[in-house]
Amino acid sequence: MRSTITGTARLTKTHKLSAAGLTAAAGAAALAFAVTPGHAAAETPSIAVKPVAWTTTDLGAHDNIGKQSDTAAAKAKVDAAAAKKKADAAAKAKSDKARADQQAASRSQARTPVKPTTPAKPAPAAPAAPVKKAYADNLDGWIKESLDILKSKNIPATYDGIKRNVMRESTGNPRAINDWDINAVNGVPSKGLLQIIDPTFKAYHVEGTSWDPYDPVANITASCNYAADKYGSMDNVNSAY
């Protein structure tokens, strides 16, 4: 029989060897298949070879990944630089515009003439309310108050002419009444300081005074108004009138 060498080292397809390990694996297989003289070589079991951590394919893939990472990093750096440049340009444009606006406003303000401020005129003071004149509550005060009213109505009379006739007619009693003369007989007695009857008092009443014939000021002013109409003035009356 012819001596033959049987058996070969078998490697599975999944065991990918690196280029550096191929020579060592071939030497190990040659030693394992040595033939004993005069005998047919016995079939030896397959040698299991552990996979190398990095294969040629893996190294290529790793290189590709590294290149992609470098490319991405470079692109990100370029993009960041471009974004920063754009932001800086926008900020500068905004700052330049604000400065230009401020300068334009300053120039406009400088050209605008300042109008002199006209001081506000004070509001005219409201006229003070007239102070009511005070009069004594006696014959002197009654005559003086009546004279002021007569003067405002342009009715002539004097202090002495009024007082003289008052003293003759009533002796200065504002409640005096004549109940015996013809007027009393006719039902219209003379009343007050200047002894005026009601119909005459009403006909010659002076506005602003009381409608009471016993009121001393109203009695004097109505009587003086009647005397001015009939005799020119109370000063011209020297007796019953």
Protein backbone atom coordinates (compact mmCIF):
# COMPACT_ATOMS: atom_id res chain seq x y z
CA MET A 1 0.00 0.00 0.00
CA ARG A 2 1.17 3.57 -0.67
CA SER A 3 1.77 5.76 2.21
CA THR A 4 -0.53 8.77 2.12
CA ILE A 5 -0.92 11.69 4.28
CA THR A 6 -4.44 12.02 5.37
CA GLY A 7 -6.10 14.72 7.31
CA THR A 8 -5.75 18.45 7.02
CA ALA A 9 -6.00 21.25 9.43
CA ARG A 10 -9.59 22.64 9.21
CA LEU A 11 -10.45 26.26 10.02
CA THR A 12 -13.93 27.50 10.13
CA LYS A 13 -14.91 30.41 7.94
CA THR A 14 -15.65 32.56 10.93
CA HIS A 15 -11.99 32.36 12.06
CA LYS A 16 -10.48 35.31 10.25
CA LEU A 17 -6.74 35.51 10.70
CA SER A 18 -4.67 38.63 10.65
CA ALA A 19 -1.95 38.89 8.01
CA ALA A 20 0.74 38.55 10.63
CA GLY A 21 -0.66 35.19 12.01
CA LEU A 22 -0.98 33.25 8.75
CA THR A 23 2.64 31.96 8.69
CA ALA A 24 2.55 30.72 12.31
CA ALA A 25 -0.69 28.84 11.71
CA ALA A 26 0.73 27.04 8.62
CA GLY A 27 3.81 25.87 10.54
CA ALA A 28 1.73 24.47 13.32
CA ALA A 29 -0.38 22.51 10.82
CA ALA A 30 2.71 20.96 9.15
CA LEU A 31 3.99 19.63 12.44
CA ALA A 32 0.62 18.20 13.33
CA PHE A 33 0.39 16.18 10.08
CA ALA A 34 3.86 14.46 10.14
CA VAL A 35 3.65 10.76 8.87
CA THR A 36 5.12 7.85 10.84
CA PRO A 37 7.32 5.61 8.47
CA GLY A 38 5.63 2.37 7.23
CA HIS A 39 2.24 3.30 8.52
CA ALA A 40 -0.59 5.22 7.17
CA ALA A 41 -0.84 8.43 8.92
CA ALA A 42 -3.60 8.52 11.38
CA GLU A 43 -6.10 11.30 10.98
CA THR A 44 -5.38 13.94 13.51
CA PRO A 45 -8.00 16.13 14.99
CA SER A 46 -8.52 19.68 13.70
CA ILE A 47 -6.56 22.39 15.46
CA ALA A 48 -8.83 25.04 16.86
CA VAL A 49 -7.29 28.49 16.35
CA LYS A 50 -8.57 31.30 18.49
CA PRO A 51 -9.70 34.38 16.51
CA VAL A 52 -7.38 37.35 16.60
CA ALA A 53 -8.90 40.37 18.30
CA TRP A 54 -8.50 42.68 15.30
CA THR A 55 -8.91 41.43 11.73
CA THR A 56 -7.92 43.24 8.59
CA THR A 57 -11.55 44.06 7.94
CA ASP A 58 -11.98 45.34 11.48
CA LEU A 59 -8.94 47.58 11.13
CA GLY A 60 -10.29 48.99 7.89
CA ALA A 61 -13.67 49.67 9.46
CA HIS A 62 -11.97 51.27 12.45
CA ASP A 63 -9.95 53.49 10.14
CA ASN A 64 -13.12 54.50 8.31
CA ILE A 65 -14.86 55.36 11.58
CA GLY A 66 -11.89 57.40 12.68
CA LYS A 67 -11.80 59.28 9.41
CA GLN A 68 -15.56 59.96 9.63
CA SER A 69 -15.16 61.22 13.21
CA ASP A 70 -12.33 63.52 12.17
CA THR A 71 -14.38 64.81 9.24
CA ALA A 72 -17.41 65.46 11.47
CA ALA A 73 -15.26 67.26 14.04
CA ALA A 74 -13.68 69.39 11.35
CA LYS A 75 -17.10 70.25 9.89
CA ALA A 76 -18.48 71.11 13.36
CA LYS A 77 -15.50 73.39 13.95
CA VAL A 78 -16.05 75.11 10.62
CA ASP A 79 -19.80 75.47 11.30
CA ALA A 80 -19.13 76.91 14.78
CA ALA A 81 -16.66 79.40 13.37
CA ALA A 82 -19.17 80.44 10.69
CA ALA A 83 -21.98 80.83 13.27
CA LYS A 84 -19.73 82.92 15.54
CA LYS A 85 -18.71 85.10 12.61
CA LYS A 86 -22.35 85.63 11.66
CA ALA A 87 -23.34 86.45 15.28
CA ASP A 88 -20.43 88.88 15.62
CA ALA A 89 -21.44 90.58 12.36
CA ALA A 90 -25.08 90.90 13.53
CA ALA A 91 -24.00 92.33 16.90
CA LYS A 92 -21.70 94.84 15.21
CA ALA A 93 -24.45 95.90 12.80
CA LYS A 94 -26.86 96.41 15.70
CA SER A 95 -24.29 98.42 17.66
CA ASP A 96 -23.48 100.55 14.61
CA LYS A 97 -27.18 101.28 13.99
CA ALA A 98 -27.77 102.27 17.61
CA ARG A 99 -24.77 104.60 17.51
CA ALA A 100 -25.93 106.13 14.21
CA ASP A 101 -29.46 106.67 15.59
CA GLN A 102 -28.09 108.34 18.69
CA GLN A 103 -25.86 110.63 16.64
CA ALA A 104 -28.79 111.54 14.35
CA ALA A 105 -30.97 112.35 17.37
CA SER A 106 -28.23 114.53 18.84
CA ARG A 107 -27.85 116.44 15.56
CA SER A 108 -31.61 116.93 15.29
CA GLN A 109 -31.83 118.21 18.84
CA ALA A 110 -28.95 120.59 18.24
CA ARG A 111 -30.70 122.03 15.14
CA THR A 112 -34.07 122.49 16.87
CA PRO A 113 -34.30 125.97 18.42
CA VAL A 114 -35.35 125.95 22.03
CA LYS A 115 -38.49 127.98 22.47
CA PRO A 116 -38.44 130.25 25.50
CA THR A 117 -40.77 129.05 28.17
CA THR A 118 -43.58 131.50 28.76
CA PRO A 119 -44.36 131.67 32.45
CA ALA A 120 -47.93 130.78 33.15
CA LYS A 121 -50.05 133.72 34.09
CA PRO A 122 -51.51 133.37 37.54
CA ALA A 123 -55.23 132.96 37.56
CA PRO A 124 -57.01 136.13 38.56
CA ALA A 125 -57.96 136.09 42.18
CA ALA A 126 -61.63 135.67 42.82
CA PRO A 127 -63.17 138.86 44.09
CA ALA A 128 -63.53 138.79 47.80
CA ALA A 129 -67.04 138.61 49.07
CA PRO A 130 -68.12 141.99 50.32
CA VAL A 131 -67.97 142.24 54.04
CA LYS A 132 -71.33 143.11 55.43
CA LYS A 133 -71.17 146.33 57.30
CA ALA A 134 -72.11 146.09 60.91
CA TYR A 135 -74.54 148.59 62.44
CA ALA A 136 -75.44 149.20 66.03
CA ASP A 137 -78.88 148.01 67.07
CA ASN A 138 -80.07 151.45 68.14
CA LEU A 139 -81.43 154.65 66.60
CA ASP A 140 -77.96 155.73 65.44
CA GLY A 141 -77.32 152.38 63.77
CA TRP A 142 -80.78 152.24 62.18
CA ILE A 143 -80.44 155.71 60.64
CA LYS A 144 -76.91 154.96 59.29
CA GLU A 145 -78.01 151.65 57.75
CA SER A 146 -81.05 153.29 56.18
CA LEU A 147 -78.90 156.10 54.75
CA ASP A 148 -76.59 153.54 53.04
CA ILE A 149 -79.60 151.85 51.43
CA LEU A 150 -81.11 155.20 50.37
CA LYS A 151 -77.79 156.25 48.84
CA SER A 152 -77.62 153.01 46.79
CA LYS A 153 -81.12 153.82 45.46
CA ASN A 154 -80.35 157.51 44.83
CA ILE A 155 -82.99 158.64 47.35
CA PRO A 156 -82.00 161.93 49.04
CA ALA A 157 -81.88 162.20 52.84
CA THR A 158 -79.53 163.30 55.64
CA TYR A 159 -78.82 161.99 59.11
CA ASP A 160 -80.02 165.16 60.82
CA GLY A 161 -83.22 165.41 58.77
CA ILE A 162 -84.15 161.78 59.56
CA LYS A 163 -83.32 162.01 63.29
CA ARG A 164 -85.23 165.29 63.72
CA ASN A 165 -88.43 163.84 62.24
CA VAL A 166 -88.07 160.52 64.11
CA MET A 167 -87.83 162.30 67.46
CA ARG A 168 -90.94 164.37 66.68
CA GLU A 169 -93.03 161.43 65.43
CA SER A 170 -92.10 158.59 67.85
CA THR A 171 -89.30 159.81 70.17
CA GLY A 172 -87.21 156.93 68.75
CA ASN A 173 -89.62 154.08 69.64
CA PRO A 174 -89.84 151.60 66.71
CA ARG A 175 -93.03 150.07 68.17
CA ALA A 176 -94.91 153.36 68.44
CA ILE A 177 -98.48 153.46 67.04
CA ASN A 178 -101.05 156.28 66.79
CA ASP A 179 -104.50 154.98 67.69
CA TRP A 180 -106.43 158.26 67.99
CA ASP A 181 -105.96 160.38 64.82
CA ILE A 182 -107.97 160.27 61.62
CA ASN A 183 -105.87 157.50 60.22
CA ALA A 184 -106.65 155.38 63.26
CA VAL A 185 -110.33 156.22 62.89
CA ASN A 186 -110.11 155.05 59.29
CA GLY A 187 -108.52 151.77 60.40
CA VAL A 188 -104.98 152.49 59.18
CA PRO A 189 -103.07 153.80 62.20
CA SER A 190 -99.62 155.33 61.80
CA LYS A 191 -96.81 152.98 62.88
CA GLY A 192 -93.11 152.91 63.70
CA LEU A 193 -90.31 155.46 63.97
CA LEU A 194 -91.69 157.84 61.31
CA GLN A 195 -95.38 156.96 61.80
CA ILE A 196 -96.21 155.68 58.34
CA ILE A 197 -99.55 154.03 57.54
CA ASP A 198 -99.64 150.56 55.96
CA PRO A 199 -100.87 151.61 52.46
CA THR A 200 -98.09 154.22 52.17
CA PHE A 201 -95.47 151.82 53.55
CA LYS A 202 -96.39 149.18 50.95
CA ALA A 203 -96.47 151.71 48.10
CA TYR A 204 -93.01 153.16 48.94
CA HIS A 205 -91.30 150.04 50.30
CA VAL A 206 -87.62 149.94 49.32
CA GLU A 207 -86.29 146.66 47.93
CA GLY A 208 -83.86 144.89 50.22
CA THR A 209 -85.61 145.84 53.43
CA SER A 210 -88.20 144.04 55.52
CA TRP A 211 -91.91 144.15 54.73
CA ASP A 212 -92.64 144.69 58.42
CA PRO A 213 -93.59 148.36 59.04
CA TYR A 214 -92.35 148.06 62.62
CA ASP A 215 -88.83 147.14 61.37
CA PRO A 216 -86.85 150.38 62.08
CA VAL A 217 -84.69 150.33 58.90
CA ALA A 218 -87.62 149.41 56.63
CA ASN A 219 -89.78 152.11 58.26
CA ILE A 220 -87.13 154.86 57.81
CA THR A 221 -86.32 153.99 54.15
CA ALA A 222 -89.98 153.74 53.07
CA SER A 223 -90.82 157.02 54.84
CA CYS A 224 -87.82 158.82 53.27
CA ASN A 225 -88.79 157.45 49.82
CA TYR A 226 -92.32 158.87 50.30
CA ALA A 227 -90.99 162.23 51.57
CA ALA A 228 -88.58 162.49 48.61
CA ASP A 229 -91.49 161.90 46.24
CA LYS A 230 -93.85 164.41 47.95
CA TYR A 231 -91.47 167.03 49.43
CA GLY A 232 -88.12 166.50 47.70
CA SER A 233 -86.43 165.09 50.82
CA MET A 234 -87.12 164.18 54.43
CA ASP A 235 -85.04 167.25 55.30
CA ASN A 236 -87.94 169.41 54.00
CA VAL A 237 -90.48 167.83 56.41
CA ASN A 238 -90.96 169.77 59.64
CA SER A 239 -94.42 168.62 60.73
CA ALA A 240 -96.96 165.94 60.08
CA TYR A 241 -96.67 164.85 56.50
